[in-house]
Amino acid sequence: MSAALEVGFGVSETHRVTDEMSPPHLPNKVLSTPDMVRLIEGTCLFGVQPHLEEGQTTVGIHICVSHQAAVSSGEDVVVAGEISEIDRRRLVFDIKVTHGDTLISEGTHQRFIVGA
């Protein structure tokens, strides 16, 4: 793990919501909770990957987030995470998902460094 991965390290990605990310039981095409979680995990995974040693990666071990507003298909969300704690190989991220000024989700996500 590189020295860049320290408390305060941030990751952020913008994602476009697609029809495929919508729950099939809803009449409106909106971001589903499982797809939002997938975006959170992917943002954290790919955000830290360049800072790991060769042969290392991370796996998700815990997630606790809200889902408090809808985002329609075709709109963008920003997934942002900041490392708030590092305990040996465990990384804890404070998470926020936003659409413009609207808070869509907040909470925590933990990943564990495996390999090497």
C-alpha atoms as a PDB file:
ATOM      1  CA  MET A   1       0.000   0.000   0.000  1.00  0.00           C
ATOM      2  CA  SER A   2       1.432   3.378  -0.963  1.00  0.00           C
ATOM      3  CA  ALA A   3       1.802   6.332   1.365  1.00  0.00           C
ATOM      4  CA  ALA A   4      -0.922   8.101  -0.661  1.00  0.00           C
ATOM      5  CA  LEU A   5      -3.533   5.921   1.026  1.00  0.00           C
ATOM      6  CA  GLU A   6      -3.979   7.771   4.282  1.00  0.00           C
ATOM      7  CA  VAL A   7      -6.856   9.238   6.232  1.00  0.00           C
ATOM      8  CA  GLY A   8      -8.316  12.022   4.099  1.00  0.00           C
ATOM      9  CA  PHE A   9      -7.572  10.322   0.751  1.00  0.00           C
ATOM     10  CA  GLY A  10     -10.555  10.884  -1.524  1.00  0.00           C
ATOM     11  CA  VAL A  11     -12.082   9.178  -4.529  1.00  0.00           C
ATOM     12  CA  SER A  12     -14.859  10.492  -6.737  1.00  0.00           C
ATOM     13  CA  GLU A  13     -16.601   9.398  -9.937  1.00  0.00           C
ATOM     14  CA  THR A  14     -19.551  10.665 -11.934  1.00  0.00           C
ATOM     15  CA  HIS A  15     -21.950   8.025 -13.239  1.00  0.00           C
ATOM     16  CA  ARG A  16     -24.881   8.316 -15.643  1.00  0.00           C
ATOM     17  CA  VAL A  17     -28.005   6.469 -14.456  1.00  0.00           C
ATOM     18  CA  THR A  18     -29.365   4.111 -17.127  1.00  0.00           C
ATOM     19  CA  ASP A  19     -32.688   2.307 -17.569  1.00  0.00           C
ATOM     20  CA  GLU A  20     -30.929  -0.949 -16.684  1.00  0.00           C
ATOM     21  CA  MET A  21     -30.182   0.424 -13.194  1.00  0.00           C
ATOM     22  CA  SER A  22     -33.887   0.747 -12.402  1.00  0.00           C
ATOM     23  CA  PRO A  23     -35.921  -1.661 -10.269  1.00  0.00           C
ATOM     24  CA  PRO A  24     -38.244  -3.654 -12.542  1.00  0.00           C
ATOM     25  CA  HIS A  25     -41.279  -3.190 -10.266  1.00  0.00           C
ATOM     26  CA  LEU A  26     -41.357   0.619 -10.509  1.00  0.00           C
ATOM     27  CA  PRO A  27     -43.166   2.519 -13.276  1.00  0.00           C
ATOM     28  CA  ASN A  28     -40.483   5.258 -13.378  1.00  0.00           C
ATOM     29  CA  LYS A  29     -36.890   4.538 -14.356  1.00  0.00           C
ATOM     30  CA  VAL A  30     -34.801   5.509 -11.304  1.00  0.00           C
ATOM     31  CA  LEU A  31     -31.537   4.374  -9.715  1.00  0.00           C
ATOM     32  CA  SER A  32     -32.067   1.220  -7.648  1.00  0.00           C
ATOM     33  CA  THR A  33     -30.427   0.729  -4.268  1.00  0.00           C
ATOM     34  CA  PRO A  34     -28.431  -2.353  -5.402  1.00  0.00           C
ATOM     35  CA  ASP A  35     -27.049  -0.421  -8.378  1.00  0.00           C
ATOM     36  CA  MET A  36     -26.201   2.549  -6.167  1.00  0.00           C
ATOM     37  CA  VAL A  37     -24.255   0.183  -3.876  1.00  0.00           C
ATOM     38  CA  ARG A  38     -22.484  -1.250  -6.946  1.00  0.00           C
ATOM     39  CA  LEU A  39     -21.435   2.276  -7.969  1.00  0.00           C
ATOM     40  CA  ILE A  40     -20.146   2.991  -4.446  1.00  0.00           C
ATOM     41  CA  GLU A  41     -18.128  -0.230  -4.343  1.00  0.00           C
ATOM     42  CA  GLY A  42     -16.708   0.329  -7.830  1.00  0.00           C
ATOM     43  CA  THR A  43     -15.714   3.914  -7.101  1.00  0.00           C
ATOM     44  CA  CYS A  44     -13.822   2.880  -3.965  1.00  0.00           C
ATOM     45  CA  LEU A  45     -12.276  -0.217  -5.586  1.00  0.00           C
ATOM     46  CA  PHE A  46     -10.979   1.537  -8.683  1.00  0.00           C
ATOM     47  CA  GLY A  47     -10.043   4.699  -6.767  1.00  0.00           C
ATOM     48  CA  VAL A  48      -7.567   2.945  -4.489  1.00  0.00           C
ATOM     49  CA  GLN A  49      -6.347   0.234  -6.895  1.00  0.00           C
ATOM     50  CA  PRO A  50      -3.518   2.355  -8.413  1.00  0.00           C
ATOM     51  CA  HIS A  51      -2.144   2.929  -4.896  1.00  0.00           C
ATOM     52  CA  LEU A  52      -1.835  -0.735  -3.956  1.00  0.00           C
ATOM     53  CA  GLU A  53       1.167  -2.988  -4.394  1.00  0.00           C
ATOM     54  CA  GLU A  54       1.331  -5.309  -7.378  1.00  0.00           C
ATOM     55  CA  GLY A  55      -0.798  -8.359  -6.711  1.00  0.00           C
ATOM     56  CA  GLN A  56      -3.054  -6.568  -4.226  1.00  0.00           C
ATOM     57  CA  THR A  57      -6.689  -5.574  -4.583  1.00  0.00           C
ATOM     58  CA  THR A  58      -9.562  -4.800  -2.225  1.00  0.00           C
ATOM     59  CA  VAL A  59     -12.783  -6.585  -1.421  1.00  0.00           C
ATOM     60  CA  GLY A  60     -15.886  -5.035   0.092  1.00  0.00           C
ATOM     61  CA  ILE A  61     -16.565  -6.245   3.637  1.00  0.00           C
ATOM     62  CA  HIS A  62     -19.251  -3.887   4.942  1.00  0.00           C
ATOM     63  CA  ILE A  63     -21.566  -1.183   3.676  1.00  0.00           C
ATOM     64  CA  CYS A  64     -24.055   0.963   5.582  1.00  0.00           C
ATOM     65  CA  VAL A  65     -25.666   3.677   3.467  1.00  0.00           C
ATOM     66  CA  SER A  66     -28.987   5.454   3.160  1.00  0.00           C
ATOM     67  CA  HIS A  67     -30.979   5.905  -0.044  1.00  0.00           C
ATOM     68  CA  GLN A  68     -33.002   9.036   0.547  1.00  0.00           C
ATOM     69  CA  ALA A  69     -33.808  10.507  -2.874  1.00  0.00           C
ATOM     70  CA  ALA A  70     -34.536   9.309  -6.401  1.00  0.00           C
ATOM     71  CA  VAL A  71     -32.399   9.929  -9.468  1.00  0.00           C
ATOM     72  CA  SER A  72     -33.963   9.379 -12.883  1.00  0.00           C
ATOM     73  CA  SER A  73     -32.475   7.499 -15.788  1.00  0.00           C
ATOM     74  CA  GLY A  74     -30.362   9.834 -17.900  1.00  0.00           C
ATOM     75  CA  GLU A  75     -29.247  11.915 -14.922  1.00  0.00           C
ATOM     76  CA  ASP A  76     -25.796  11.895 -13.321  1.00  0.00           C
ATOM     77  CA  VAL A  77     -24.779  11.034  -9.777  1.00  0.00           C
ATOM     78  CA  VAL A  78     -21.459  11.785  -8.125  1.00  0.00           C
ATOM     79  CA  VAL A  79     -20.130   9.085  -5.822  1.00  0.00           C
ATOM     80  CA  ALA A  80     -17.511  10.432  -3.421  1.00  0.00           C
ATOM     81  CA  GLY A  81     -15.630   8.582  -0.721  1.00  0.00           C
ATOM     82  CA  GLU A  82     -13.012   9.715   1.745  1.00  0.00           C
ATOM     83  CA  ILE A  83     -10.895   7.386   3.841  1.00  0.00           C
ATOM     84  CA  SER A  84     -11.753   8.087   7.470  1.00  0.00           C
ATOM     85  CA  GLU A  85      -9.895   5.170   9.053  1.00  0.00           C
ATOM     86  CA  ILE A  86      -7.144   2.704   8.194  1.00  0.00           C
ATOM     87  CA  ASP A  87      -6.670  -0.342  10.403  1.00  0.00           C
ATOM     88  CA  ARG A  88      -3.849  -2.446   8.944  1.00  0.00           C
ATOM     89  CA  ARG A  89      -5.489  -3.697   5.721  1.00  0.00           C
ATOM     90  CA  ARG A  90      -9.020  -2.394   6.430  1.00  0.00           C
ATOM     91  CA  LEU A  91     -10.036   0.866   4.766  1.00  0.00           C
ATOM     92  CA  VAL A  92     -13.122   2.750   5.978  1.00  0.00           C
ATOM     93  CA  PHE A  93     -14.686   5.284   3.598  1.00  0.00           C
ATOM     94  CA  ASP A  94     -17.182   8.011   4.437  1.00  0.00           C
ATOM     95  CA  ILE A  95     -19.533   7.981   1.436  1.00  0.00           C
ATOM     96  CA  LYS A  96     -21.767  10.591  -0.190  1.00  0.00           C
ATOM     97  CA  VAL A  97     -23.777  10.201  -3.369  1.00  0.00           C
ATOM     98  CA  THR A  98     -25.208  13.407  -4.803  1.00  0.00           C
ATOM     99  CA  HIS A  99     -27.193  14.640  -7.785  1.00  0.00           C
ATOM    100  CA  GLY A 100     -26.500  18.356  -8.092  1.00  0.00           C
ATOM    101  CA  ASP A 101     -27.290  19.814  -4.669  1.00  0.00           C
ATOM    102  CA  THR A 102     -29.429  16.822  -3.665  1.00  0.00           C
ATOM    103  CA  LEU A 103     -28.010  14.269  -1.230  1.00  0.00           C
ATOM    104  CA  ILE A 104     -28.970  10.829  -2.510  1.00  0.00           C
ATOM    105  CA  SER A 105     -27.009   8.694  -0.056  1.00  0.00           C
ATOM    106  CA  GLU A 106     -24.537   8.866   2.784  1.00  0.00           C
ATOM    107  CA  GLY A 107     -22.882   6.358   5.061  1.00  0.00           C
ATOM    108  CA  THR A 108     -19.797   4.202   5.279  1.00  0.00           C
ATOM    109  CA  HIS A 109     -18.147   1.500   3.201  1.00  0.00           C
ATOM    110  CA  GLN A 110     -15.314  -0.776   4.305  1.00  0.00           C
ATOM    111  CA  ARG A 111     -12.858  -2.567   2.045  1.00  0.00           C
ATOM    112  CA  PHE A 112     -10.098  -4.997   2.936  1.00  0.00           C
ATOM    113  CA  ILE A 113      -6.766  -5.222   1.096  1.00  0.00           C
ATOM    114  CA  VAL A 114      -6.029  -8.793  -0.049  1.00  0.00           C
ATOM    115  CA  GLY A 115      -3.118 -10.409  -1.869  1.00  0.00           C
ATOM    116  CA  ALA A 116       0.640  -9.883  -1.895  1.00  0.00           C
END
